Protein backbone atom coordinates (compact mmCIF):
# COMPACT_ATOMS: atom_id res chain seq x y z
CA MET A 1 59.02 118.09 110.33
CA GLY A 2 60.40 118.37 113.77
CA ASP A 3 60.01 120.92 116.12
CA LEU A 4 62.03 123.78 114.89
CA ASN A 5 61.42 126.13 118.09
CA CYS A 6 63.24 123.77 120.19
CA VAL A 7 66.34 125.70 119.81
CA PRO A 8 65.13 129.50 120.52
CA GLU A 9 67.65 132.19 119.84
CA SER A 10 67.51 133.08 123.79
CA GLY A 11 68.98 129.11 124.08
CA ILE A 12 71.68 129.56 121.46
CA THR A 13 73.01 132.80 123.02
CA ALA A 14 72.94 131.63 126.38
CA PHE A 15 75.88 129.42 126.30
CA VAL A 16 78.35 131.31 123.71
CA GLU A 17 78.84 134.53 122.29
CA GLN A 18 79.03 135.44 118.71
CA GLU A 19 81.70 137.69 117.63
CA ASP A 20 80.57 140.11 114.94
CA ASP A 21 83.22 138.73 112.50
CA VAL A 22 81.89 135.33 112.91
CA LEU A 23 79.69 133.23 111.04
CA ALA A 24 77.44 130.26 111.76
CA SER A 25 77.97 127.34 109.39
CA TRP A 26 76.01 124.14 109.82
CA GLU A 27 75.89 120.86 108.39
CA VAL A 28 74.05 117.54 108.18
CA ASP A 29 75.32 114.25 107.56
CA ALA A 30 72.97 111.46 106.99
CA GLY A 31 74.98 108.77 105.43
CA ASP A 32 75.55 109.34 101.72
CA ARG A 33 73.36 112.55 101.75
CA GLY A 34 73.35 115.71 103.55
CA SER A 35 73.65 119.24 103.09
CA ALA A 36 75.15 122.70 104.56
CA GLY A 37 74.83 126.27 104.85
CA VAL A 38 76.10 129.28 106.40
CA THR A 39 74.70 132.64 107.84
CA GLY A 40 75.16 135.27 110.38
CA SER A 41 73.30 133.88 113.16
CA ALA A 42 73.98 130.79 115.31
CA ALA A 43 69.91 130.85 116.03
CA ALA A 44 69.16 130.91 112.39
CA ALA A 45 71.78 128.17 111.73
CA ALA A 46 70.39 125.84 114.28
CA LYS A 47 66.95 126.39 112.91
CA ASP A 48 68.07 125.71 109.12
CA MET A 49 70.21 122.55 110.29
CA LEU A 50 67.17 121.43 112.39
CA ALA A 51 64.86 121.69 109.25
CA ALA A 52 67.51 120.15 107.23
CA LEU A 53 67.88 117.30 109.33
CA ALA A 54 64.06 116.62 109.83
CA ALA A 55 64.33 115.49 105.81
CA PHE A 56 66.40 112.16 106.93
CA HIS A 57 64.97 109.25 108.92
CA ASP A 58 68.71 109.02 110.63
CA GLY A 59 71.68 111.50 110.49
CA ARG A 60 73.29 114.27 112.66
CA GLY A 61 73.95 117.81 112.45
CA ARG A 62 75.86 120.35 113.85
CA VAL A 63 76.49 124.16 113.99
CA ARG A 64 79.76 125.79 114.24
CA PHE A 65 81.26 129.17 114.01
CA ALA A 66 83.64 129.90 111.11
CA ARG A 67 85.43 132.85 109.79
CA VAL A 68 86.23 133.45 106.16
CA ILE A 69 90.23 133.35 105.79
CA PRO A 70 92.19 134.77 102.68
CA SER A 71 93.91 131.77 100.94
CA MET A 72 95.96 131.03 97.97
CA SER A 73 92.88 129.58 96.40
CA GLY A 74 90.75 132.56 97.31
CA ALA A 75 89.13 131.83 100.67
CA GLU A 76 88.71 129.07 103.18
CA TYR A 77 86.60 128.63 106.07
CA ARG A 78 88.17 128.27 109.70
CA TYR A 79 86.03 126.47 111.97
CA GLY A 80 86.00 127.36 115.57
CA ALA A 81 83.45 126.03 118.52
CA THR A 82 80.76 123.94 117.80
CA VAL A 83 77.60 125.51 119.27
CA LEU A 84 74.84 122.45 118.57
CA THR A 85 75.15 119.09 117.91
CA ALA A 86 71.70 117.18 116.96
CA HIS A 87 71.34 113.24 116.71
CA ARG A 88 68.43 111.81 114.63
CA ARG A 89 67.55 108.28 114.84
CA ALA A 90 64.03 106.85 114.14
CA GLY A 91 62.82 110.10 112.91
CA ALA A 92 63.43 111.47 116.38
CA THR A 93 65.93 114.57 116.89
CA THR A 94 67.89 115.23 120.20
CA THR A 95 69.92 117.95 120.55
CA VAL A 96 72.83 118.72 122.62
CA PRO A 97 74.51 122.24 123.20
CA GLY A 98 78.15 121.95 122.25
CA ASP A 99 80.27 119.29 120.43
CA ALA A 100 78.60 115.61 120.22
CA TRP A 101 79.30 115.23 116.71
CA ASP A 102 81.44 112.17 117.15
CA LEU A 103 79.46 110.20 119.66
CA VAL A 104 76.95 109.10 116.98
CA GLN A 105 78.43 108.07 113.19
């Protein structure tokens, strides 16, 4: 498994403020596989995303802020800023502050 301590909580909060009513959403895309989750902390979301990404040889992951918005079907997420992006190639993970999701597919 990769180094889950490479994104300490101080590193997340150093470049973005998280409002009280905002959640932290994470997702991992590894081709035809992946995973996702939601938590109340950007730091926790980053660690969860990196742990999930480490299960794949190649892939990408990101942490974004999100709010739950009422909708006709119940509720939906409205996504905000990307806090962290990670790319994994040949078993090695690189993290980038902010949005670098489209740099690697």
